[in-house]
Amino acid sequence: MLVADSLEELSGPERGVVVLPHRLMWQHDRRFDLDDPDLLLWMYENVPREAIRRDELRRWINGRVLVRVWDRLNLPRPVRQAWEARYPQLQPAA
């Protein structure tokens, strides 16, 4: 499971429209308007699940945004566990 080395290195966009590469999003429409909360969540669910290189995480995910939306993401258990093991601040409050 691929996890970023640090949240600070995740310097992806926070706003605007992005187009993910086909490798990360297999659908015809790969555009995400990050100002739309639902599309932002959808992108943040797909990139950690599909990324195979750290540069993909750095380019498309923003660390501050990730922390802000983490508890609303629908992620496979192994992905969630890997990220939460590395970053305790992502773990749900007890």
C-alpha atoms as a PDB file:
ATOM      1  CA  MET A   1       0.000   0.000   0.000  1.00  0.00           C
ATOM      2  CA  LEU A   2       1.452   3.346  -1.057  1.00  0.00           C
ATOM      3  CA  VAL A   3       1.506   6.105   1.569  1.00  0.00           C
ATOM      4  CA  ALA A   4       3.194   9.496   1.295  1.00  0.00           C
ATOM      5  CA  ASP A   5       6.393  10.032   3.244  1.00  0.00           C
ATOM      6  CA  SER A   6       4.920  13.187   4.795  1.00  0.00           C
ATOM      7  CA  LEU A   7       1.692  15.138   4.619  1.00  0.00           C
ATOM      8  CA  GLU A   8       3.702  18.287   3.914  1.00  0.00           C
ATOM      9  CA  GLU A   9       4.977  16.850   0.625  1.00  0.00           C
ATOM     10  CA  LEU A  10       1.398  16.509  -0.630  1.00  0.00           C
ATOM     11  CA  SER A  11       1.161  19.786  -2.495  1.00  0.00           C
ATOM     12  CA  GLY A  12      -1.651  19.062  -4.916  1.00  0.00           C
ATOM     13  CA  PRO A  13      -4.290  21.609  -5.835  1.00  0.00           C
ATOM     14  CA  GLU A  14      -6.797  22.838  -3.286  1.00  0.00           C
ATOM     15  CA  ARG A  15      -9.243  24.500  -5.688  1.00  0.00           C
ATOM     16  CA  GLY A  16     -10.205  24.636  -9.315  1.00  0.00           C
ATOM     17  CA  VAL A  17     -10.701  21.973 -11.949  1.00  0.00           C
ATOM     18  CA  VAL A  18      -8.205  19.162 -12.377  1.00  0.00           C
ATOM     19  CA  VAL A  19      -8.113  16.343 -14.911  1.00  0.00           C
ATOM     20  CA  LEU A  20      -6.686  13.110 -13.583  1.00  0.00           C
ATOM     21  CA  PRO A  21      -4.653  10.904 -15.903  1.00  0.00           C
ATOM     22  CA  HIS A  22      -6.410   7.870 -17.283  1.00  0.00           C
ATOM     23  CA  ARG A  23      -4.280   5.594 -15.097  1.00  0.00           C
ATOM     24  CA  LEU A  24      -5.819   7.104 -11.950  1.00  0.00           C
ATOM     25  CA  MET A  25      -9.391   7.441 -13.239  1.00  0.00           C
ATOM     26  CA  TRP A  26     -10.714   5.030 -15.809  1.00  0.00           C
ATOM     27  CA  GLN A  27     -13.923   6.876 -16.595  1.00  0.00           C
ATOM     28  CA  HIS A  28     -14.345   8.970 -19.701  1.00  0.00           C
ATOM     29  CA  ASP A  29     -14.860  12.179 -17.699  1.00  0.00           C
ATOM     30  CA  ARG A  30     -11.804  12.507 -15.485  1.00  0.00           C
ATOM     31  CA  ARG A  31     -12.414  16.158 -14.550  1.00  0.00           C
ATOM     32  CA  PHE A  32     -12.902  17.112 -10.918  1.00  0.00           C
ATOM     33  CA  ASP A  33     -14.026  20.531  -9.798  1.00  0.00           C
ATOM     34  CA  LEU A  34     -12.413  20.714  -6.375  1.00  0.00           C
ATOM     35  CA  ASP A  35     -14.762  23.547  -5.422  1.00  0.00           C
ATOM     36  CA  ASP A  36     -17.595  20.974  -5.506  1.00  0.00           C
ATOM     37  CA  PRO A  37     -17.355  19.085  -2.169  1.00  0.00           C
ATOM     38  CA  ASP A  38     -18.696  15.832  -3.637  1.00  0.00           C
ATOM     39  CA  LEU A  39     -16.232  15.831  -6.541  1.00  0.00           C
ATOM     40  CA  LEU A  40     -13.362  16.680  -4.204  1.00  0.00           C
ATOM     41  CA  LEU A  41     -14.233  13.682  -2.020  1.00  0.00           C
ATOM     42  CA  TRP A  42     -14.524  11.432  -5.055  1.00  0.00           C
ATOM     43  CA  MET A  43     -11.079  12.442  -6.292  1.00  0.00           C
ATOM     44  CA  TYR A  44      -9.579  12.020  -2.813  1.00  0.00           C
ATOM     45  CA  GLU A  45     -11.068   8.529  -2.662  1.00  0.00           C
ATOM     46  CA  ASN A  46      -9.639   7.531  -6.033  1.00  0.00           C
ATOM     47  CA  VAL A  47      -6.089   8.852  -5.954  1.00  0.00           C
ATOM     48  CA  PRO A  48      -4.913   7.107  -2.729  1.00  0.00           C
ATOM     49  CA  ARG A  49      -6.516   3.896  -3.929  1.00  0.00           C
ATOM     50  CA  GLU A  50      -5.013   3.970  -7.444  1.00  0.00           C
ATOM     51  CA  ALA A  51      -1.647   5.723  -7.025  1.00  0.00           C
ATOM     52  CA  ILE A  52       1.412   3.525  -7.528  1.00  0.00           C
ATOM     53  CA  ARG A  53       4.057   6.263  -7.377  1.00  0.00           C
ATOM     54  CA  ARG A  54       4.623   8.877  -4.702  1.00  0.00           C
ATOM     55  CA  ASP A  55       4.802  11.611  -7.330  1.00  0.00           C
ATOM     56  CA  GLU A  56       1.151  10.849  -8.144  1.00  0.00           C
ATOM     57  CA  LEU A  57       0.214  11.451  -4.521  1.00  0.00           C
ATOM     58  CA  ARG A  58       2.295  14.649  -4.389  1.00  0.00           C
ATOM     59  CA  ARG A  59       0.783  16.012  -7.593  1.00  0.00           C
ATOM     60  CA  TRP A  60      -2.893  15.311  -6.953  1.00  0.00           C
ATOM     61  CA  ILE A  61      -3.390  15.272  -3.162  1.00  0.00           C
ATOM     62  CA  ASN A  62      -3.030  18.246  -0.842  1.00  0.00           C
ATOM     63  CA  GLY A  63      -2.041  17.333   2.723  1.00  0.00           C
ATOM     64  CA  ARG A  64      -4.183  20.007   4.393  1.00  0.00           C
ATOM     65  CA  VAL A  65      -7.219  19.036   2.345  1.00  0.00           C
ATOM     66  CA  LEU A  66      -6.623  15.351   3.016  1.00  0.00           C
ATOM     67  CA  VAL A  67      -6.637  15.913   6.787  1.00  0.00           C
ATOM     68  CA  ARG A  68      -9.772  18.045   6.513  1.00  0.00           C
ATOM     69  CA  VAL A  69     -11.801  15.472   4.528  1.00  0.00           C
ATOM     70  CA  TRP A  70     -10.281  12.214   5.764  1.00  0.00           C
ATOM     71  CA  ASP A  71     -13.173  11.168   7.999  1.00  0.00           C
ATOM     72  CA  ARG A  72     -15.630  11.566   5.088  1.00  0.00           C
ATOM     73  CA  LEU A  73     -13.696   9.449   2.583  1.00  0.00           C
ATOM     74  CA  ASN A  74     -14.987   6.044   1.554  1.00  0.00           C
ATOM     75  CA  LEU A  75     -11.733   4.098   1.287  1.00  0.00           C
ATOM     76  CA  PRO A  76     -10.920   0.400   1.228  1.00  0.00           C
ATOM     77  CA  ARG A  77      -9.897  -0.799   4.676  1.00  0.00           C
ATOM     78  CA  PRO A  78      -6.253  -1.533   3.716  1.00  0.00           C
ATOM     79  CA  VAL A  79      -5.817   1.980   2.302  1.00  0.00           C
ATOM     80  CA  ARG A  80      -7.365   3.615   5.372  1.00  0.00           C
ATOM     81  CA  GLN A  81      -5.327   1.464   7.768  1.00  0.00           C
ATOM     82  CA  ALA A  82      -2.037   2.162   5.979  1.00  0.00           C
ATOM     83  CA  TRP A  83      -2.551   5.933   6.035  1.00  0.00           C
ATOM     84  CA  GLU A  84      -3.806   5.993   9.628  1.00  0.00           C
ATOM     85  CA  ALA A  85      -0.874   3.860  10.791  1.00  0.00           C
ATOM     86  CA  ARG A  86       1.537   6.381   9.276  1.00  0.00           C
ATOM     87  CA  TYR A  87      -0.441   9.487  10.355  1.00  0.00           C
ATOM     88  CA  PRO A  88      -2.156   9.103  13.743  1.00  0.00           C
ATOM     89  CA  GLN A  89      -3.884  12.480  13.247  1.00  0.00           C
ATOM     90  CA  LEU A  90      -6.056  10.772  10.622  1.00  0.00           C
ATOM     91  CA  GLN A  91      -7.345   8.195  13.084  1.00  0.00           C
ATOM     92  CA  PRO A  92     -10.868   8.701  14.408  1.00  0.00           C
ATOM     93  CA  ALA A  93     -11.146  10.312  17.820  1.00  0.00           C
ATOM     94  CA  ALA A  94     -11.658   7.809  20.612  1.00  0.00           C
END
